Amino acid sequence: MQFVRRKIEVETDRNYCLECHCRINYTCETPWKRELPYEVYRAEWFSYTSQTESYLNALRNSVREAHTLAEILETQDGEKIGYFWMTVDCDAESGFSFAEIQEIYIEESYRGQGIARHMYALAEQCAKACGAKVLRAGTGCANSASVQMHEALGFAAYRKEYEKLL
């Protein structure tokens, strides 16, 4: 599939990025939180302005960095296909450099066409060019499609986090 990549303009793309971020969060939530219908989850999520502003500030600061890959993916006609955000960090003490895919979202109607795989390959090229030693990505424990894709792309789990509902 042919598509156009363009750099995220945080103020212009604000609503789309927030919507993608909310959808990603919902997909990666714990099973008990996903018992909520998406629209209920979304309304609650958007009501927390500190949460949305924190995300936007992180994205805003990140896109200023030279090695950040933060893009909106569109058709030739300008229809949004998805969004991709990768950062590159270097630990000051050890000098260890790594790239981290912060988020990727592909609209449902465009899934299964190799777009995510293409973006991961591009991320890997960019990470290597920046001197990163590893490429990291995360997903929710119940997001089996994402887990399968990461494993198929050669990713291995390096950490697990747990949560207990009280």
Foldseek 3Di string as FASTA:
>chain_A
DDKDKDADPCVVCVVVVLVQVLVQCLLQDDPVVVVDDSVVSVVVQVVPVVNSVVVSVVVVVQSVDPLWDWIFIGHPVRHTFWIWIKHWDADPPPRAIEMETPDIDGPPVCPPVCPVVVVVVVNVVSCVVVVHPYYYYDGHPPNVVVVVVCVVVPDDDDDDDDDDDD
